[in-house]
Amino acid sequence: MSKKIKKIGVFTSGGDSPGMNAAIRSVVRTCAFHNIECVGIYRGYEGMIEGDFKPMDARSVKGIINKGGTVLKSARSLEFMTPEGRKKAHQHLLDANIDGLVAIGGDGTFTGAMIFNEEFDFPVMGIPGTIDNDIFGTSHTLGYDTALNTVVEAIDKIRDTASSHNRLFFIEVMGRDAGHIALNVGIGAGAEEILIPEEDLGLERLLESLRRSKQSGKSSSIVIVAEGDKIGKNVFELKDYVEENMIEYDVRVSVLGHMQRGGSPSCFDRVLASRMGVKAVESLLDGKTNLMVGLLSDKIAVTPLDQAVKGKSEINMELLRVSDIMST
């Protein structure tokens, strides 16, 4: 029989994403609704090892639903990767009478939570917070929708310059292992070509596509490149290759970088975070553990953490076909 949960700890770990604060708020207020104590753990696993805890109530999280980043801060912890580090973290949780954890982050965060659960039989629930949308078991991760809107807005501004000067812009977006951001913003911003890790376009096919664009009368072009694209070593190598082979193009590169992670979360991300936070807390109260909360067919569902970590989020093949047709 599972131990009755009386106090829950919540923390954020890994890269920040818009919507994390809304998720923290949801966890804290769901605890308050069920008359359960809640503790904020600062700086993720690092703060857990150091016992950097602070009690939180419904008023502690006022005014944060609209803020980007995370009020609980985030850090990557090398010490938590060791048995000694995890033992320290466990002892601090016991000393603080914390009975369960809600971990907000990506696959690295979930891997740590899964190992922690296996070693100490400590109840954990995961909420996926990463702009890359590369977690199995959910159609949307927290921050993904906001990142798409941020990137499309930036591309729209860059296109104004590209059109004014008849330039070709390579725009690099985040997505080391998955091309969800690149594919969606490429379609949404009307890019001429989209380069993602899942599809090896090849340098020659890229040139052919750009030549067709020129022949069709396009005087400027936008190419979206996911940072994990395999065509070239990096986006600057792609620029050099095109300049060498298509001297008629004035080529520029824009790397959007960490601006994609910041900003006020979209309404979609705020609502999703609120739904996920409620489900995470109530799952712990129901005696469930080692699960990730996700969105599947617009319903909140749970997936075992090991599947969330080991599974692969698939690229939408229909969107690939749409992007090919739209670039005509």
C-alpha atoms as a PDB file:
ATOM      1  CA  MET A   1       0.000   0.000   0.000  1.00  0.00           C
ATOM      2  CA  SER A   2       1.432   3.372  -1.056  1.00  0.00           C
ATOM      3  CA  LYS A   3       2.251   5.947   1.599  1.00  0.00           C
ATOM      4  CA  LYS A   4      -0.251   8.795   1.930  1.00  0.00           C
ATOM      5  CA  ILE A   5       1.118  11.962   0.322  1.00  0.00           C
ATOM      6  CA  LYS A   6       1.064  14.956   2.659  1.00  0.00           C
ATOM      7  CA  LYS A   7       3.784  17.199   1.205  1.00  0.00           C
ATOM      8  CA  ILE A   8       4.909  17.580  -2.416  1.00  0.00           C
ATOM      9  CA  GLY A   9       8.114  19.123  -3.750  1.00  0.00           C
ATOM     10  CA  VAL A  10       8.165  20.800  -7.157  1.00  0.00           C
ATOM     11  CA  PHE A  11      11.237  21.761  -9.180  1.00  0.00           C
ATOM     12  CA  THR A  12      12.384  22.738 -12.675  1.00  0.00           C
ATOM     13  CA  SER A  13      15.493  21.308 -14.288  1.00  0.00           C
ATOM     14  CA  GLY A  14      17.443  21.530 -17.538  1.00  0.00           C
ATOM     15  CA  GLY A  15      16.749  24.232 -20.112  1.00  0.00           C
ATOM     16  CA  ASP A  16      14.006  26.686 -19.206  1.00  0.00           C
ATOM     17  CA  SER A  17      10.888  27.034 -21.315  1.00  0.00           C
ATOM     18  CA  PRO A  18       7.866  29.378 -21.330  1.00  0.00           C
ATOM     19  CA  GLY A  19       5.057  27.825 -19.308  1.00  0.00           C
ATOM     20  CA  MET A  20       7.239  26.438 -16.515  1.00  0.00           C
ATOM     21  CA  ASN A  21       6.026  29.143 -14.129  1.00  0.00           C
ATOM     22  CA  ALA A  22       2.429  28.404 -15.053  1.00  0.00           C
ATOM     23  CA  ALA A  23       3.086  24.728 -14.245  1.00  0.00           C
ATOM     24  CA  ILE A  24       4.676  25.612 -10.885  1.00  0.00           C
ATOM     25  CA  ARG A  25       1.635  27.763 -10.116  1.00  0.00           C
ATOM     26  CA  SER A  26      -0.706  24.915 -11.017  1.00  0.00           C
ATOM     27  CA  VAL A  27       1.144  22.401  -8.830  1.00  0.00           C
ATOM     28  CA  VAL A  28       1.194  24.771  -5.845  1.00  0.00           C
ATOM     29  CA  ARG A  29      -2.471  25.733  -6.135  1.00  0.00           C
ATOM     30  CA  THR A  30      -3.623  22.146  -6.695  1.00  0.00           C
ATOM     31  CA  CYS A  31      -1.798  21.207  -3.504  1.00  0.00           C
ATOM     32  CA  ALA A  32      -3.555  24.070  -1.717  1.00  0.00           C
ATOM     33  CA  PHE A  33      -6.913  22.931  -3.096  1.00  0.00           C
ATOM     34  CA  HIS A  34      -6.350  19.438  -1.664  1.00  0.00           C
ATOM     35  CA  ASN A  35      -4.936  20.772   1.635  1.00  0.00           C
ATOM     36  CA  ILE A  36      -1.498  19.346   0.849  1.00  0.00           C
ATOM     37  CA  GLU A  37       1.707  21.199   1.711  1.00  0.00           C
ATOM     38  CA  CYS A  38       3.946  22.234  -1.199  1.00  0.00           C
ATOM     39  CA  VAL A  39       7.654  23.007  -1.225  1.00  0.00           C
ATOM     40  CA  GLY A  40       9.565  24.735  -4.007  1.00  0.00           C
ATOM     41  CA  ILE A  41      12.991  23.209  -4.698  1.00  0.00           C
ATOM     42  CA  TYR A  42      15.365  25.797  -6.126  1.00  0.00           C
ATOM     43  CA  ARG A  43      17.897  25.055  -8.921  1.00  0.00           C
ATOM     44  CA  GLY A  44      16.614  21.577  -9.706  1.00  0.00           C
ATOM     45  CA  TYR A  45      18.610  18.565  -8.569  1.00  0.00           C
ATOM     46  CA  GLU A  46      21.444  20.812  -7.407  1.00  0.00           C
ATOM     47  CA  GLY A  47      19.115  22.527  -4.955  1.00  0.00           C
ATOM     48  CA  MET A  48      17.764  19.157  -3.850  1.00  0.00           C
ATOM     49  CA  ILE A  49      21.280  18.045  -2.945  1.00  0.00           C
ATOM     50  CA  GLU A  50      21.851  21.275  -1.001  1.00  0.00           C
ATOM     51  CA  GLY A  51      18.423  21.335   0.656  1.00  0.00           C
ATOM     52  CA  ASP A  52      17.501  24.636  -0.988  1.00  0.00           C
ATOM     53  CA  PHE A  53      13.781  24.407  -0.209  1.00  0.00           C
ATOM     54  CA  LYS A  54      11.078  27.002   0.373  1.00  0.00           C
ATOM     55  CA  PRO A  55       7.443  26.416   1.446  1.00  0.00           C
ATOM     56  CA  MET A  56       4.947  27.667  -1.134  1.00  0.00           C
ATOM     57  CA  ASP A  57       1.240  28.435  -0.878  1.00  0.00           C
ATOM     58  CA  ALA A  58      -1.416  29.782  -3.217  1.00  0.00           C
ATOM     59  CA  ARG A  59      -0.237  33.359  -2.677  1.00  0.00           C
ATOM     60  CA  SER A  60       3.421  32.453  -3.350  1.00  0.00           C
ATOM     61  CA  VAL A  61       2.661  31.984  -7.051  1.00  0.00           C
ATOM     62  CA  LYS A  62       0.517  35.039  -7.754  1.00  0.00           C
ATOM     63  CA  GLY A  63       1.484  36.994 -10.858  1.00  0.00           C
ATOM     64  CA  ILE A  64       3.766  34.354 -12.384  1.00  0.00           C
ATOM     65  CA  ILE A  65       1.455  32.673 -14.928  1.00  0.00           C
ATOM     66  CA  ASN A  66       2.457  35.237 -17.578  1.00  0.00           C
ATOM     67  CA  LYS A  67       6.207  35.147 -16.928  1.00  0.00           C
ATOM     68  CA  GLY A  68       8.770  33.242 -18.982  1.00  0.00           C
ATOM     69  CA  GLY A  69      11.660  31.306 -17.466  1.00  0.00           C
ATOM     70  CA  THR A  70      11.271  29.725 -14.031  1.00  0.00           C
ATOM     71  CA  VAL A  71      10.994  31.392 -10.615  1.00  0.00           C
ATOM     72  CA  LEU A  72      12.486  28.242  -9.069  1.00  0.00           C
ATOM     73  CA  LYS A  73      15.586  28.647 -11.256  1.00  0.00           C
ATOM     74  CA  SER A  74      17.249  25.780 -13.097  1.00  0.00           C
ATOM     75  CA  ALA A  75      20.664  24.147 -13.104  1.00  0.00           C
ATOM     76  CA  ARG A  76      22.397  21.052 -14.402  1.00  0.00           C
ATOM     77  CA  SER A  77      23.803  18.896 -11.609  1.00  0.00           C
ATOM     78  CA  LEU A  78      26.803  16.644 -12.168  1.00  0.00           C
ATOM     79  CA  GLU A  79      26.707  15.557  -8.524  1.00  0.00           C
ATOM     80  CA  PHE A  80      23.175  14.173  -8.897  1.00  0.00           C
ATOM     81  CA  MET A  81      24.551  11.787 -11.518  1.00  0.00           C
ATOM     82  CA  THR A  82      26.460  10.018  -8.725  1.00  0.00           C
ATOM     83  CA  PRO A  83      24.916   7.656  -6.115  1.00  0.00           C
ATOM     84  CA  GLU A  84      26.406   9.834  -3.373  1.00  0.00           C
ATOM     85  CA  GLY A  85      24.721  12.943  -4.730  1.00  0.00           C
ATOM     86  CA  ARG A  86      21.344  11.241  -5.010  1.00  0.00           C
ATOM     87  CA  LYS A  87      21.693   9.918  -1.453  1.00  0.00           C
ATOM     88  CA  LYS A  88      22.246  13.477  -0.185  1.00  0.00           C
ATOM     89  CA  ALA A  89      19.182  14.658  -2.102  1.00  0.00           C
ATOM     90  CA  HIS A  90      17.067  11.834  -0.671  1.00  0.00           C
ATOM     91  CA  GLN A  91      18.119  12.624   2.887  1.00  0.00           C
ATOM     92  CA  HIS A  92      17.214  16.314   2.464  1.00  0.00           C
ATOM     93  CA  LEU A  93      13.767  15.313   1.176  1.00  0.00           C
ATOM     94  CA  LEU A  94      13.250  13.024   4.174  1.00  0.00           C
ATOM     95  CA  ASP A  95      14.415  15.736   6.573  1.00  0.00           C
ATOM     96  CA  ALA A  96      11.874  18.124   5.034  1.00  0.00           C
ATOM     97  CA  ASN A  97       9.093  15.472   5.216  1.00  0.00           C
ATOM     98  CA  ILE A  98       8.545  15.664   1.451  1.00  0.00           C
ATOM     99  CA  ASP A  99       6.591  12.597   0.261  1.00  0.00           C
ATOM    100  CA  GLY A 100       6.509  13.085  -3.520  1.00  0.00           C
ATOM    101  CA  LEU A 101       8.056  15.096  -6.351  1.00  0.00           C
ATOM    102  CA  VAL A 102       6.819  16.867  -9.463  1.00  0.00           C
ATOM    103  CA  ALA A 103       9.716  17.297 -11.917  1.00  0.00           C
ATOM    104  CA  ILE A 104       9.295  19.844 -14.715  1.00  0.00           C
ATOM    105  CA  GLY A 105      11.818  19.479 -17.546  1.00  0.00           C
ATOM    106  CA  GLY A 106      12.979  17.324 -20.435  1.00  0.00           C
ATOM    107  CA  ASP A 107      14.451  13.866 -20.957  1.00  0.00           C
ATOM    108  CA  GLY A 108      17.497  14.534 -18.758  1.00  0.00           C
ATOM    109  CA  THR A 109      15.219  15.640 -15.918  1.00  0.00           C
ATOM    110  CA  PHE A 110      13.045  12.555 -16.360  1.00  0.00           C
ATOM    111  CA  THR A 111      16.052  10.217 -16.483  1.00  0.00           C
ATOM    112  CA  GLY A 112      17.204  11.590 -13.123  1.00  0.00           C
ATOM    113  CA  ALA A 113      13.690  11.236 -11.669  1.00  0.00           C
ATOM    114  CA  MET A 114      13.400   7.671 -12.939  1.00  0.00           C
ATOM    115  CA  ILE A 115      16.734   6.610 -11.404  1.00  0.00           C
ATOM    116  CA  PHE A 116      15.816   8.357  -8.153  1.00  0.00           C
ATOM    117  CA  ASN A 117      12.512   6.491  -8.047  1.00  0.00           C
ATOM    118  CA  GLU A 118      14.216   3.149  -8.684  1.00  0.00           C
ATOM    119  CA  GLU A 119      16.849   3.674  -5.984  1.00  0.00           C
ATOM    120  CA  PHE A 120      14.645   5.053  -3.207  1.00  0.00           C
ATOM    121  CA  ASP A 121      11.098   4.086  -4.230  1.00  0.00           C
ATOM    122  CA  PHE A 122      10.315   7.804  -4.057  1.00  0.00           C
ATOM    123  CA  PRO A 123       7.076   8.898  -5.793  1.00  0.00           C
ATOM    124  CA  VAL A 124       7.737  11.117  -8.822  1.00  0.00           C
ATOM    125  CA  MET A 125       5.653  12.641 -11.611  1.00  0.00           C
ATOM    126  CA  GLY A 126       7.029  14.442 -14.662  1.00  0.00           C
ATOM    127  CA  ILE A 127       5.727  17.463 -16.581  1.00  0.00           C
ATOM    128  CA  PRO A 128       7.409  17.943 -19.996  1.00  0.00           C
ATOM    129  CA  GLY A 129       8.942  21.411 -20.241  1.00  0.00           C
ATOM    130  CA  THR A 130      11.094  21.926 -23.350  1.00  0.00           C
ATOM    131  CA  ILE A 131      10.626  24.057 -26.450  1.00  0.00           C
ATOM    132  CA  ASP A 132      11.949  21.290 -28.738  1.00  0.00           C
ATOM    133  CA  ASN A 133       8.785  19.148 -28.402  1.00  0.00           C
ATOM    134  CA  ASP A 134      11.008  16.063 -28.508  1.00  0.00           C
ATOM    135  CA  ILE A 135       9.408  14.050 -25.683  1.00  0.00           C
ATOM    136  CA  PHE A 136       7.458  10.869 -26.429  1.00  0.00           C
ATOM    137  CA  GLY A 137       3.979  10.609 -24.917  1.00  0.00           C
ATOM    138  CA  THR A 138       2.716  14.129 -25.587  1.00  0.00           C
ATOM    139  CA  SER A 139       1.754  16.070 -28.694  1.00  0.00           C
ATOM    140  CA  HIS A 140       2.938  19.308 -27.064  1.00  0.00           C
ATOM    141  CA  THR A 141       5.587  20.072 -24.463  1.00  0.00           C
ATOM    142  CA  LEU A 142       5.437  23.251 -22.378  1.00  0.00           C
ATOM    143  CA  GLY A 143       7.008  26.164 -24.237  1.00  0.00           C
ATOM    144  CA  TYR A 144       6.773  24.651 -27.706  1.00  0.00           C
ATOM    145  CA  ASP A 145       3.788  26.716 -28.845  1.00  0.00           C
ATOM    146  CA  THR A 146       5.305  29.923 -27.450  1.00  0.00           C
ATOM    147  CA  ALA A 147       8.628  29.198 -29.175  1.00  0.00           C
ATOM    148  CA  LEU A 148       6.852  28.711 -32.518  1.00  0.00           C
ATOM    149  CA  ASN A 149       5.166  32.103 -32.202  1.00  0.00           C
ATOM    150  CA  THR A 150       8.432  33.784 -31.153  1.00  0.00           C
ATOM    151  CA  VAL A 151      10.341  32.306 -34.097  1.00  0.00           C
ATOM    152  CA  VAL A 152       7.662  33.097 -36.690  1.00  0.00           C
ATOM    153  CA  GLU A 153       7.624  36.717 -35.532  1.00  0.00           C
ATOM    154  CA  ALA A 154      11.411  36.918 -35.895  1.00  0.00           C
ATOM    155  CA  ILE A 155      11.334  35.319 -39.363  1.00  0.00           C
ATOM    156  CA  ASP A 156       8.650  37.766 -40.518  1.00  0.00           C
ATOM    157  CA  LYS A 157      10.985  40.634 -39.608  1.00  0.00           C
ATOM    158  CA  ILE A 158      13.972  39.008 -41.345  1.00  0.00           C
ATOM    159  CA  ARG A 159      11.890  38.480 -44.496  1.00  0.00           C
ATOM    160  CA  ASP A 160      11.331  42.243 -44.715  1.00  0.00           C
ATOM    161  CA  THR A 161      15.107  42.695 -44.988  1.00  0.00           C
ATOM    162  CA  ALA A 162      15.537  39.724 -47.344  1.00  0.00           C
ATOM    163  CA  SER A 163      12.927  41.158 -49.727  1.00  0.00           C
ATOM    164  CA  SER A 164      14.375  44.666 -49.593  1.00  0.00           C
ATOM    165  CA  HIS A 165      17.882  43.528 -50.538  1.00  0.00           C
ATOM    166  CA  ASN A 166      17.162  40.439 -52.690  1.00  0.00           C
ATOM    167  CA  ARG A 167      18.947  38.217 -50.183  1.00  0.00           C
ATOM    168  CA  LEU A 168      18.929  34.554 -49.228  1.00  0.00           C
ATOM    169  CA  PHE A 169      18.736  34.055 -45.466  1.00  0.00           C
ATOM    170  CA  PHE A 170      19.660  30.862 -43.650  1.00  0.00           C
ATOM    171  CA  ILE A 171      17.858  31.054 -40.294  1.00  0.00           C
ATOM    172  CA  GLU A 172      18.950  28.551 -37.670  1.00  0.00           C
ATOM    173  CA  VAL A 173      16.390  27.529 -35.059  1.00  0.00           C
ATOM    174  CA  MET A 174      16.671  25.212 -32.058  1.00  0.00           C
ATOM    175  CA  GLY A 175      16.176  21.492 -32.546  1.00  0.00           C
ATOM    176  CA  ARG A 176      19.330  19.450 -31.952  1.00  0.00           C
ATOM    177  CA  ASP A 177      17.602  16.090 -32.329  1.00  0.00           C
ATOM    178  CA  ALA A 178      14.152  16.989 -33.651  1.00  0.00           C
ATOM    179  CA  GLY A 179      12.888  19.258 -36.409  1.00  0.00           C
ATOM    180  CA  HIS A 180       9.453  20.116 -34.984  1.00  0.00           C
ATOM    181  CA  ILE A 181      10.219  23.821 -34.573  1.00  0.00           C
ATOM    182  CA  ALA A 182      11.874  24.164 -37.970  1.00  0.00           C
ATOM    183  CA  LEU A 183       9.125  22.316 -39.835  1.00  0.00           C
ATOM    184  CA  ASN A 184       6.244  24.220 -38.276  1.00  0.00           C
ATOM    185  CA  VAL A 185       7.762  27.693 -38.415  1.00  0.00           C
ATOM    186  CA  GLY A 186       9.000  27.021 -41.946  1.00  0.00           C
ATOM    187  CA  ILE A 187       5.445  26.419 -43.084  1.00  0.00           C
ATOM    188  CA  GLY A 188       4.016  29.189 -40.922  1.00  0.00           C
ATOM    189  CA  ALA A 189       6.516  31.774 -42.164  1.00  0.00           C
ATOM    190  CA  GLY A 190       6.451  30.677 -45.802  1.00  0.00           C
ATOM    191  CA  ALA A 191      10.054  29.457 -46.044  1.00  0.00           C
ATOM    192  CA  GLU A 192      11.346  28.259 -49.413  1.00  0.00           C
ATOM    193  CA  GLU A 193      13.186  25.316 -47.841  1.00  0.00           C
ATOM    194  CA  ILE A 194      13.280  23.572 -44.449  1.00  0.00           C
ATOM    195  CA  LEU A 195      16.243  21.513 -43.256  1.00  0.00           C
ATOM    196  CA  ILE A 196      15.643  19.105 -40.357  1.00  0.00           C
ATOM    197  CA  PRO A 197      17.588  16.207 -38.752  1.00  0.00           C
ATOM    198  CA  GLU A 198      14.929  13.657 -39.747  1.00  0.00           C
ATOM    199  CA  GLU A 199      15.277  14.356 -43.488  1.00  0.00           C
ATOM    200  CA  ASP A 200      18.653  14.500 -45.275  1.00  0.00           C
ATOM    201  CA  LEU A 201      17.909  16.881 -48.118  1.00  0.00           C
ATOM    202  CA  GLY A 202      21.480  16.852 -49.451  1.00  0.00           C
ATOM    203  CA  LEU A 203      23.484  19.798 -50.720  1.00  0.00           C
ATOM    204  CA  GLU A 204      22.697  19.237 -54.388  1.00  0.00           C
ATOM    205  CA  ARG A 205      18.966  19.045 -53.808  1.00  0.00           C
ATOM    206  CA  LEU A 206      19.177  22.248 -51.778  1.00  0.00           C
ATOM    207  CA  LEU A 207      20.867  23.981 -54.710  1.00  0.00           C
ATOM    208  CA  GLU A 208      18.250  22.618 -57.124  1.00  0.00           C
ATOM    209  CA  SER A 209      15.469  23.953 -54.906  1.00  0.00           C
ATOM    210  CA  LEU A 210      17.080  27.385 -54.715  1.00  0.00           C
ATOM    211  CA  ARG A 211      17.597  27.451 -58.494  1.00  0.00           C
ATOM    212  CA  ARG A 212      13.911  26.625 -59.024  1.00  0.00           C
ATOM    213  CA  SER A 213      12.999  29.492 -56.711  1.00  0.00           C
ATOM    214  CA  LYS A 214      15.155  31.854 -58.771  1.00  0.00           C
ATOM    215  CA  GLN A 215      13.682  30.634 -62.043  1.00  0.00           C
ATOM    216  CA  SER A 216      10.139  31.055 -60.732  1.00  0.00           C
ATOM    217  CA  GLY A 217      10.856  34.741 -60.165  1.00  0.00           C
ATOM    218  CA  LYS A 218      11.655  34.806 -56.470  1.00  0.00           C
ATOM    219  CA  SER A 219      14.224  37.501 -55.748  1.00  0.00           C
ATOM    220  CA  SER A 220      14.749  36.504 -52.095  1.00  0.00           C
ATOM    221  CA  SER A 221      14.512  33.273 -50.153  1.00  0.00           C
ATOM    222  CA  ILE A 222      14.290  32.041 -46.564  1.00  0.00           C
ATOM    223  CA  VAL A 223      15.757  28.666 -45.588  1.00  0.00           C
ATOM    224  CA  ILE A 224      14.985  27.382 -42.088  1.00  0.00           C
ATOM    225  CA  VAL A 225      17.698  25.165 -40.603  1.00  0.00           C
ATOM    226  CA  ALA A 226      17.245  23.094 -37.441  1.00  0.00           C
ATOM    227  CA  GLU A 227      20.499  23.180 -35.448  1.00  0.00           C
ATOM    228  CA  GLY A 228      20.731  19.368 -35.687  1.00  0.00           C
ATOM    229  CA  ASP A 229      20.436  19.269 -39.484  1.00  0.00           C
ATOM    230  CA  LYS A 230      22.981  16.869 -40.997  1.00  0.00           C
ATOM    231  CA  ILE A 231      23.587  18.469 -44.416  1.00  0.00           C
ATOM    232  CA  GLY A 232      26.545  20.596 -43.378  1.00  0.00           C
ATOM    233  CA  LYS A 233      28.746  20.849 -40.314  1.00  0.00           C
ATOM    234  CA  ASN A 234      26.878  24.038 -39.437  1.00  0.00           C
ATOM    235  CA  VAL A 235      24.730  26.738 -40.963  1.00  0.00           C
ATOM    236  CA  PHE A 236      27.773  28.844 -41.884  1.00  0.00           C
ATOM    237  CA  GLU A 237      29.170  25.984 -43.971  1.00  0.00           C
ATOM    238  CA  LEU A 238      25.854  25.887 -45.828  1.00  0.00           C
ATOM    239  CA  LYS A 239      26.153  29.614 -46.498  1.00  0.00           C
ATOM    240  CA  ASP A 240      29.666  29.207 -47.915  1.00  0.00           C
ATOM    241  CA  TYR A 241      28.603  26.307 -50.130  1.00  0.00           C
ATOM    242  CA  VAL A 242      25.685  28.223 -51.641  1.00  0.00           C
ATOM    243  CA  GLU A 243      27.804  31.331 -52.193  1.00  0.00           C
ATOM    244  CA  GLU A 244      30.403  29.251 -54.047  1.00  0.00           C
ATOM    245  CA  ASN A 245      27.818  27.581 -56.268  1.00  0.00           C
ATOM    246  CA  MET A 246      25.239  30.338 -56.712  1.00  0.00           C
ATOM    247  CA  ILE A 247      27.120  33.616 -56.995  1.00  0.00           C
ATOM    248  CA  GLU A 248      23.889  35.411 -57.886  1.00  0.00           C
ATOM    249  CA  TYR A 249      22.757  35.086 -54.265  1.00  0.00           C
ATOM    250  CA  ASP A 250      23.700  37.533 -51.516  1.00  0.00           C
ATOM    251  CA  VAL A 251      23.641  35.103 -48.564  1.00  0.00           C
ATOM    252  CA  ARG A 252      23.191  35.929 -44.889  1.00  0.00           C
ATOM    253  CA  VAL A 253      22.900  33.837 -41.721  1.00  0.00           C
ATOM    254  CA  SER A 254      20.774  34.522 -38.667  1.00  0.00           C
ATOM    255  CA  VAL A 255      21.069  32.237 -35.612  1.00  0.00           C
ATOM    256  CA  LEU A 256      18.087  32.921 -33.372  1.00  0.00           C
ATOM    257  CA  GLY A 257      19.617  31.139 -30.377  1.00  0.00           C
ATOM    258  CA  HIS A 258      18.276  31.526 -26.864  1.00  0.00           C
ATOM    259  CA  MET A 259      15.734  34.217 -27.735  1.00  0.00           C
ATOM    260  CA  GLN A 260      13.529  31.254 -28.702  1.00  0.00           C
ATOM    261  CA  ARG A 261      13.333  30.131 -25.065  1.00  0.00           C
ATOM    262  CA  GLY A 262      12.288  33.431 -23.544  1.00  0.00           C
ATOM    263  CA  GLY A 263       9.180  35.517 -23.472  1.00  0.00           C
ATOM    264  CA  SER A 264       5.713  35.407 -22.005  1.00  0.00           C
ATOM    265  CA  PRO A 265       4.026  32.028 -22.571  1.00  0.00           C
ATOM    266  CA  SER A 266       1.167  31.817 -25.058  1.00  0.00           C
ATOM    267  CA  CYS A 267      -2.395  31.194 -23.882  1.00  0.00           C
ATOM    268  CA  PHE A 268      -2.077  27.615 -25.128  1.00  0.00           C
ATOM    269  CA  ASP A 269       1.006  26.990 -22.975  1.00  0.00           C
ATOM    270  CA  ARG A 270      -0.595  28.599 -19.918  1.00  0.00           C
ATOM    271  CA  VAL A 271      -3.686  26.424 -20.193  1.00  0.00           C
ATOM    272  CA  LEU A 272      -1.634  23.295 -20.924  1.00  0.00           C
ATOM    273  CA  ALA A 273       0.615  23.952 -17.903  1.00  0.00           C
ATOM    274  CA  SER A 274      -2.430  24.408 -15.679  1.00  0.00           C
ATOM    275  CA  ARG A 275      -3.945  21.122 -16.857  1.00  0.00           C
ATOM    276  CA  MET A 276      -0.678  19.233 -16.481  1.00  0.00           C
ATOM    277  CA  GLY A 277      -0.022  20.551 -12.983  1.00  0.00           C
ATOM    278  CA  VAL A 278      -3.427  19.420 -11.743  1.00  0.00           C
ATOM    279  CA  LYS A 279      -2.975  15.959 -13.248  1.00  0.00           C
ATOM    280  CA  ALA A 280       0.550  15.556 -11.826  1.00  0.00           C
ATOM    281  CA  VAL A 281      -0.488  16.369  -8.248  1.00  0.00           C
ATOM    282  CA  GLU A 282      -3.700  14.348  -8.327  1.00  0.00           C
ATOM    283  CA  SER A 283      -1.848  11.366  -9.785  1.00  0.00           C
ATOM    284  CA  LEU A 284       0.566  11.429  -6.831  1.00  0.00           C
ATOM    285  CA  LEU A 285      -2.377  11.666  -4.431  1.00  0.00           C
ATOM    286  CA  ASP A 286      -3.909   8.636  -6.172  1.00  0.00           C
ATOM    287  CA  GLY A 287      -0.764   6.632  -5.430  1.00  0.00           C
ATOM    288  CA  LYS A 288       0.657   6.767  -8.969  1.00  0.00           C
ATOM    289  CA  THR A 289       4.347   7.291  -9.636  1.00  0.00           C
ATOM    290  CA  ASN A 290       7.078   7.188 -12.270  1.00  0.00           C
ATOM    291  CA  LEU A 291       4.801   8.711 -14.893  1.00  0.00           C
ATOM    292  CA  MET A 292       4.875  11.748 -17.187  1.00  0.00           C
ATOM    293  CA  VAL A 293       1.807  13.875 -17.805  1.00  0.00           C
ATOM    294  CA  GLY A 294       1.185  14.610 -21.475  1.00  0.00           C
ATOM    295  CA  LEU A 295      -1.364  15.833 -24.012  1.00  0.00           C
ATOM    296  CA  LEU A 296      -2.713  13.179 -26.388  1.00  0.00           C
ATOM    297  CA  SER A 297      -5.676  13.892 -28.694  1.00  0.00           C
ATOM    298  CA  ASP A 298      -6.348  17.023 -26.626  1.00  0.00           C
ATOM    299  CA  LYS A 299      -6.773  14.944 -23.465  1.00  0.00           C
ATOM    300  CA  ILE A 300      -4.402  14.870 -20.495  1.00  0.00           C
ATOM    301  CA  ALA A 301      -2.881  11.391 -20.257  1.00  0.00           C
ATOM    302  CA  VAL A 302       0.059   9.720 -18.513  1.00  0.00           C
ATOM    303  CA  THR A 303       3.007   7.792 -19.966  1.00  0.00           C
ATOM    304  CA  PRO A 304       5.607   5.744 -18.021  1.00  0.00           C
ATOM    305  CA  LEU A 305       8.766   7.825 -17.591  1.00  0.00           C
ATOM    306  CA  ASP A 306      10.947   5.159 -19.221  1.00  0.00           C
ATOM    307  CA  GLN A 307       8.789   5.312 -22.364  1.00  0.00           C
ATOM    308  CA  ALA A 308       8.891   9.125 -22.346  1.00  0.00           C
ATOM    309  CA  VAL A 309      12.700   9.006 -22.175  1.00  0.00           C
ATOM    310  CA  LYS A 310      13.358   6.107 -24.561  1.00  0.00           C
ATOM    311  CA  GLY A 311      10.531   6.700 -27.021  1.00  0.00           C
ATOM    312  CA  LYS A 312      10.972   8.868 -30.108  1.00  0.00           C
ATOM    313  CA  SER A 313       8.692  11.748 -30.999  1.00  0.00           C
ATOM    314  CA  GLU A 314       7.849  11.318 -34.667  1.00  0.00           C
ATOM    315  CA  ILE A 315       7.931  14.101 -37.211  1.00  0.00           C
ATOM    316  CA  ASN A 316       4.583  14.812 -38.876  1.00  0.00           C
ATOM    317  CA  MET A 317       4.869  13.388 -42.404  1.00  0.00           C
ATOM    318  CA  GLU A 318       1.803  15.295 -43.577  1.00  0.00           C
ATOM    319  CA  LEU A 319       3.551  18.557 -42.660  1.00  0.00           C
ATOM    320  CA  LEU A 320       6.593  17.501 -44.694  1.00  0.00           C
ATOM    321  CA  ARG A 321       4.376  17.041 -47.755  1.00  0.00           C
ATOM    322  CA  VAL A 322       2.636  20.363 -47.084  1.00  0.00           C
ATOM    323  CA  SER A 323       6.013  22.119 -46.877  1.00  0.00           C
ATOM    324  CA  ASP A 324       7.061  20.663 -50.255  1.00  0.00           C
ATOM    325  CA  ILE A 325       3.834  21.872 -51.897  1.00  0.00           C
ATOM    326  CA  MET A 326       3.994  25.335 -50.272  1.00  0.00           C
ATOM    327  CA  SER A 327       7.581  25.915 -51.459  1.00  0.00           C
ATOM    328  CA  THR A 328       6.529  25.576 -55.105  1.00  0.00           C
END
